[in-house]
N, C-alpha and C. Protein backbone atom coordinates (compact mmCIF):
# COMPACT_ATOMS: atom_id res chain seq x y z
N UNK A 1 -8.60 15.97 -3.93
CA UNK A 1 -7.43 15.17 -3.58
C UNK A 1 -6.56 15.97 -2.62
N UNK A 2 -6.08 15.26 -1.59
CA UNK A 2 -5.29 15.94 -0.58
C UNK A 2 -4.10 15.10 -0.17
N UNK A 3 -2.96 15.75 -0.10
CA UNK A 3 -1.77 15.07 0.41
C UNK A 3 -1.87 14.98 1.92
N UNK A 4 -1.55 13.82 2.46
CA UNK A 4 -1.55 13.61 3.90
C UNK A 4 -0.22 12.98 4.28
N UNK A 5 0.10 12.99 5.57
CA UNK A 5 1.37 12.43 6.01
C UNK A 5 1.24 11.00 6.52
N UNK A 6 -0.01 10.55 6.76
CA UNK A 6 -0.21 9.18 7.23
C UNK A 6 -1.64 8.74 7.01
N UNK A 7 -1.83 7.43 7.05
CA UNK A 7 -3.17 6.85 7.11
C UNK A 7 -3.31 6.30 8.53
N UNK A 8 -4.21 6.84 9.32
CA UNK A 8 -4.33 6.37 10.70
C UNK A 8 -4.77 4.89 10.76
N UNK A 9 -4.26 4.17 11.74
CA UNK A 9 -4.65 2.76 11.93
C UNK A 9 -6.15 2.60 12.08
N UNK A 10 -6.80 3.60 12.63
CA UNK A 10 -8.23 3.52 12.91
C UNK A 10 -9.10 3.90 11.72
N UNK A 11 -8.50 4.37 10.63
CA UNK A 11 -9.27 4.78 9.45
C UNK A 11 -9.98 3.57 8.85
N UNK A 12 -11.26 3.75 8.50
CA UNK A 12 -11.99 2.64 7.88
C UNK A 12 -12.71 3.07 6.61
N UNK A 13 -12.47 4.31 6.18
CA UNK A 13 -13.03 4.78 4.91
C UNK A 13 -11.97 5.57 4.17
N UNK A 14 -12.17 5.71 2.88
CA UNK A 14 -11.27 6.51 2.06
C UNK A 14 -10.50 5.67 1.07
N UNK A 15 -10.08 6.34 -0.01
CA UNK A 15 -9.25 5.72 -1.03
C UNK A 15 -7.96 6.53 -1.09
N UNK A 16 -6.82 5.84 -1.08
CA UNK A 16 -5.53 6.49 -1.01
C UNK A 16 -4.58 5.92 -2.06
N UNK A 17 -3.70 6.78 -2.58
CA UNK A 17 -2.54 6.29 -3.31
C UNK A 17 -1.34 6.50 -2.40
N UNK A 18 -0.51 5.48 -2.33
CA UNK A 18 0.69 5.53 -1.51
C UNK A 18 1.87 5.24 -2.43
N UNK A 19 2.75 6.21 -2.59
CA UNK A 19 3.93 6.05 -3.42
C UNK A 19 5.11 5.75 -2.52
N UNK A 20 5.80 4.65 -2.82
CA UNK A 20 7.01 4.28 -2.08
C UNK A 20 8.22 4.47 -2.99
N UNK A 21 9.40 4.09 -2.51
CA UNK A 21 10.60 4.21 -3.34
C UNK A 21 10.53 3.33 -4.58
N UNK A 22 9.71 2.27 -4.56
CA UNK A 22 9.72 1.33 -5.68
C UNK A 22 8.37 1.06 -6.32
N UNK A 23 7.27 1.49 -5.72
CA UNK A 23 5.95 1.12 -6.23
C UNK A 23 4.89 2.14 -5.82
N UNK A 24 3.71 1.97 -6.38
CA UNK A 24 2.54 2.74 -5.95
C UNK A 24 1.46 1.76 -5.53
N UNK A 25 0.82 2.06 -4.43
CA UNK A 25 -0.27 1.23 -3.90
C UNK A 25 -1.57 2.02 -3.99
N UNK A 26 -2.64 1.34 -4.32
CA UNK A 26 -3.98 1.90 -4.26
C UNK A 26 -4.71 1.18 -3.14
N UNK A 27 -5.12 1.93 -2.14
CA UNK A 27 -5.76 1.36 -0.96
C UNK A 27 -7.18 1.88 -0.89
N UNK A 28 -8.14 0.97 -0.85
CA UNK A 28 -9.55 1.34 -0.69
C UNK A 28 -10.02 0.76 0.64
N UNK A 29 -10.11 1.62 1.64
CA UNK A 29 -10.48 1.15 2.98
C UNK A 29 -11.93 0.72 3.06
N UNK A 30 -12.81 1.35 2.29
CA UNK A 30 -14.22 0.96 2.29
C UNK A 30 -14.43 -0.41 1.68
N UNK A 31 -13.75 -0.68 0.56
CA UNK A 31 -13.85 -1.98 -0.11
C UNK A 31 -12.89 -3.00 0.48
N UNK A 32 -11.97 -2.55 1.32
CA UNK A 32 -10.97 -3.42 1.96
C UNK A 32 -10.10 -4.11 0.92
N UNK A 33 -9.51 -3.31 0.00
CA UNK A 33 -8.63 -3.86 -1.02
C UNK A 33 -7.32 -3.09 -1.08
N UNK A 34 -6.29 -3.79 -1.55
CA UNK A 34 -4.95 -3.23 -1.74
C UNK A 34 -4.47 -3.67 -3.11
N UNK A 35 -3.97 -2.73 -3.90
CA UNK A 35 -3.40 -3.04 -5.20
C UNK A 35 -2.00 -2.46 -5.25
N UNK A 36 -1.03 -3.25 -5.67
CA UNK A 36 0.36 -2.79 -5.80
C UNK A 36 0.73 -2.73 -7.27
N UNK A 37 1.22 -1.57 -7.71
CA UNK A 37 1.72 -1.40 -9.06
C UNK A 37 3.24 -1.25 -8.97
N UNK A 38 3.99 -2.35 -9.17
CA UNK A 38 5.44 -2.29 -9.00
C UNK A 38 6.11 -1.39 -10.04
N UNK A 39 7.02 -0.56 -9.57
CA UNK A 39 7.77 0.32 -10.46
C UNK A 39 7.06 1.61 -10.83
N UNK A 40 5.75 1.71 -10.60
CA UNK A 40 4.99 2.90 -10.97
C UNK A 40 5.26 4.00 -9.95
N UNK A 41 5.63 5.18 -10.44
CA UNK A 41 5.90 6.30 -9.56
C UNK A 41 7.21 6.17 -8.81
N UNK A 42 8.04 5.24 -9.27
CA UNK A 42 9.31 4.96 -8.59
C UNK A 42 10.09 6.23 -8.30
N UNK A 43 10.60 6.30 -7.11
CA UNK A 43 11.41 7.43 -6.66
C UNK A 43 12.72 7.45 -7.45
N UNK A 44 13.30 8.62 -7.60
CA UNK A 44 14.53 8.74 -8.40
C UNK A 44 15.75 8.04 -7.79
N UNK A 45 15.68 7.64 -6.54
CA UNK A 45 16.77 6.90 -5.90
C UNK A 45 16.75 5.46 -6.41
N UNK A 46 17.59 5.15 -7.40
CA UNK A 46 17.56 3.85 -8.06
C UNK A 46 18.31 2.77 -7.27
N UNK A 47 18.77 3.09 -6.07
CA UNK A 47 19.44 2.07 -5.26
C UNK A 47 18.45 1.06 -4.70
N UNK A 48 17.15 1.37 -4.79
CA UNK A 48 16.10 0.46 -4.35
C UNK A 48 15.70 -0.44 -5.50
N UNK A 49 15.75 -1.74 -5.31
CA UNK A 49 15.37 -2.69 -6.34
C UNK A 49 13.86 -2.97 -6.27
N UNK A 50 13.22 -3.05 -7.43
CA UNK A 50 11.80 -3.36 -7.49
C UNK A 50 11.64 -4.88 -7.44
N UNK A 51 10.92 -5.38 -6.43
CA UNK A 51 10.67 -6.81 -6.29
C UNK A 51 9.34 -7.17 -6.93
N UNK A 52 9.27 -8.40 -7.45
CA UNK A 52 8.00 -8.93 -7.93
C UNK A 52 7.34 -9.68 -6.79
N UNK A 53 6.06 -9.37 -6.54
CA UNK A 53 5.31 -10.03 -5.48
C UNK A 53 4.09 -10.72 -6.08
N UNK A 54 3.63 -11.76 -5.40
CA UNK A 54 2.41 -12.43 -5.83
C UNK A 54 1.26 -11.43 -5.87
N UNK A 55 0.43 -11.56 -6.88
CA UNK A 55 -0.77 -10.75 -7.06
C UNK A 55 -0.49 -9.28 -7.33
N UNK A 56 0.72 -8.95 -7.83
CA UNK A 56 0.98 -7.58 -8.24
C UNK A 56 -0.06 -7.17 -9.28
N UNK A 57 -0.47 -5.92 -9.23
CA UNK A 57 -1.45 -5.33 -10.14
C UNK A 57 -2.82 -5.98 -10.07
N UNK A 58 -3.12 -6.63 -8.94
CA UNK A 58 -4.44 -7.21 -8.68
C UNK A 58 -4.93 -6.71 -7.31
N UNK A 59 -6.24 -6.54 -7.19
CA UNK A 59 -6.79 -6.23 -5.87
C UNK A 59 -6.66 -7.45 -4.97
N UNK A 60 -6.10 -7.25 -3.79
CA UNK A 60 -6.06 -8.32 -2.80
C UNK A 60 -6.81 -7.85 -1.56
N UNK A 61 -7.38 -8.78 -0.79
CA UNK A 61 -8.16 -8.39 0.39
C UNK A 61 -7.27 -7.75 1.47
N UNK A 62 -7.67 -6.57 1.91
CA UNK A 62 -6.96 -5.83 2.94
C UNK A 62 -7.67 -6.03 4.27
N UNK A 63 -6.94 -6.53 5.25
CA UNK A 63 -7.50 -6.69 6.59
C UNK A 63 -7.34 -5.40 7.38
N UNK A 64 -6.17 -4.76 7.24
CA UNK A 64 -5.96 -3.52 7.96
C UNK A 64 -4.63 -2.87 7.64
N UNK A 65 -4.52 -1.61 8.05
CA UNK A 65 -3.29 -0.83 7.90
C UNK A 65 -2.66 -0.73 9.27
N UNK A 66 -1.52 -1.34 9.43
CA UNK A 66 -0.81 -1.29 10.72
C UNK A 66 -0.07 0.03 10.85
N UNK A 67 0.57 0.44 9.74
CA UNK A 67 1.34 1.67 9.74
C UNK A 67 1.49 2.14 8.30
N UNK A 68 1.25 3.42 8.07
CA UNK A 68 1.48 4.00 6.75
C UNK A 68 1.75 5.48 6.95
N UNK A 69 3.03 5.83 6.94
CA UNK A 69 3.46 7.18 7.28
C UNK A 69 4.61 7.57 6.35
N UNK A 70 4.58 8.80 5.83
CA UNK A 70 5.65 9.29 4.96
C UNK A 70 6.99 9.18 5.69
N UNK A 71 7.99 8.63 4.98
CA UNK A 71 9.34 8.49 5.54
C UNK A 71 9.62 7.15 6.16
N UNK A 72 8.58 6.31 6.32
CA UNK A 72 8.74 4.99 6.94
C UNK A 72 8.15 3.91 6.03
N UNK A 73 8.62 2.67 6.16
CA UNK A 73 7.95 1.59 5.43
C UNK A 73 6.52 1.42 5.94
N UNK A 74 5.59 1.17 5.03
CA UNK A 74 4.20 0.90 5.41
C UNK A 74 4.05 -0.59 5.72
N UNK A 75 3.07 -0.90 6.56
CA UNK A 75 2.76 -2.29 6.91
C UNK A 75 1.27 -2.52 6.70
N UNK A 76 0.96 -3.43 5.78
CA UNK A 76 -0.42 -3.76 5.47
C UNK A 76 -0.68 -5.22 5.81
N UNK A 77 -1.78 -5.51 6.48
CA UNK A 77 -2.19 -6.86 6.85
C UNK A 77 -3.18 -7.30 5.78
N UNK A 78 -2.84 -8.36 5.04
CA UNK A 78 -3.67 -8.80 3.92
C UNK A 78 -3.96 -10.29 4.02
N UNK A 79 -4.99 -10.71 3.29
CA UNK A 79 -5.25 -12.15 3.18
C UNK A 79 -5.10 -12.54 1.72
N UNK A 80 -4.84 -13.82 1.50
CA UNK A 80 -4.66 -14.33 0.14
C UNK A 80 -5.98 -14.22 -0.60
N UNK A 81 -5.93 -13.83 -1.87
CA UNK A 81 -7.14 -13.67 -2.66
C UNK A 81 -7.87 -14.99 -2.86
N UNK A 82 -7.13 -16.10 -2.90
CA UNK A 82 -7.76 -17.39 -3.16
C UNK A 82 -7.99 -18.22 -1.90
N UNK A 83 -7.52 -17.74 -0.74
CA UNK A 83 -7.74 -18.46 0.51
C UNK A 83 -7.75 -17.46 1.67
N UNK A 84 -8.93 -17.02 2.11
CA UNK A 84 -9.02 -15.99 3.15
C UNK A 84 -8.44 -16.40 4.50
N UNK A 85 -8.17 -17.70 4.69
CA UNK A 85 -7.56 -18.14 5.94
C UNK A 85 -6.05 -17.91 5.97
N UNK A 86 -5.46 -17.62 4.81
CA UNK A 86 -4.02 -17.35 4.72
C UNK A 86 -3.83 -15.84 4.81
N UNK A 87 -3.11 -15.42 5.85
CA UNK A 87 -2.87 -13.99 6.09
C UNK A 87 -1.38 -13.72 6.16
N UNK A 88 -1.01 -12.52 5.73
CA UNK A 88 0.40 -12.16 5.74
C UNK A 88 0.55 -10.64 5.79
N UNK A 89 1.77 -10.19 6.04
CA UNK A 89 2.08 -8.77 6.04
C UNK A 89 2.66 -8.38 4.69
N UNK A 90 2.30 -7.21 4.21
CA UNK A 90 2.99 -6.57 3.09
C UNK A 90 3.72 -5.39 3.71
N UNK A 91 5.03 -5.42 3.66
CA UNK A 91 5.84 -4.33 4.20
C UNK A 91 6.56 -3.69 3.03
N UNK A 92 6.43 -2.38 2.89
CA UNK A 92 6.92 -1.67 1.71
C UNK A 92 8.30 -1.06 1.94
N UNK A 93 8.86 -0.54 0.87
CA UNK A 93 10.00 0.36 1.00
C UNK A 93 9.46 1.67 1.58
N UNK A 94 10.33 2.58 2.01
CA UNK A 94 9.83 3.81 2.64
C UNK A 94 8.84 4.58 1.77
N UNK A 95 7.81 5.10 2.43
CA UNK A 95 6.75 5.86 1.77
C UNK A 95 7.27 7.26 1.43
N UNK A 96 7.03 7.69 0.19
CA UNK A 96 7.45 9.01 -0.28
C UNK A 96 6.28 9.98 -0.25
N UNK A 97 5.06 9.50 -0.58
CA UNK A 97 3.90 10.38 -0.67
C UNK A 97 2.62 9.59 -0.44
N UNK A 98 1.67 10.22 0.24
CA UNK A 98 0.33 9.65 0.43
C UNK A 98 -0.67 10.70 -0.02
N UNK A 99 -1.63 10.26 -0.84
CA UNK A 99 -2.67 11.18 -1.29
C UNK A 99 -4.03 10.53 -1.10
N UNK A 100 -4.91 11.24 -0.44
CA UNK A 100 -6.29 10.77 -0.31
C UNK A 100 -7.05 11.22 -1.55
N UNK A 101 -7.62 10.25 -2.28
CA UNK A 101 -8.31 10.60 -3.52
C UNK A 101 -9.81 10.50 -3.39
N UNK A 102 -10.30 9.96 -2.26
CA UNK A 102 -11.75 9.90 -2.03
C UNK A 102 -12.01 9.77 -0.55
């Protein structure tokens, strides 16, 4: 396991945990999935409110990583689990830590 400062847009392999101010994300680039665990690993700055999002704690199809860098909000391009024609952005609170776990 290695701490990194970003996930490059061009990356297409690897499994990462991304901790933000309010949640932890598990990203599997090989399987093209994104899982959000709201409130897990929450940063000590409690001024950030934890939002409930559709499909929290479920794998959702990941189309790509637009931006994921420590200190900035991450941007993930995803499709709906029940309708692949529906696509949307998941934009996070600022990223605190990124760890490559595979």
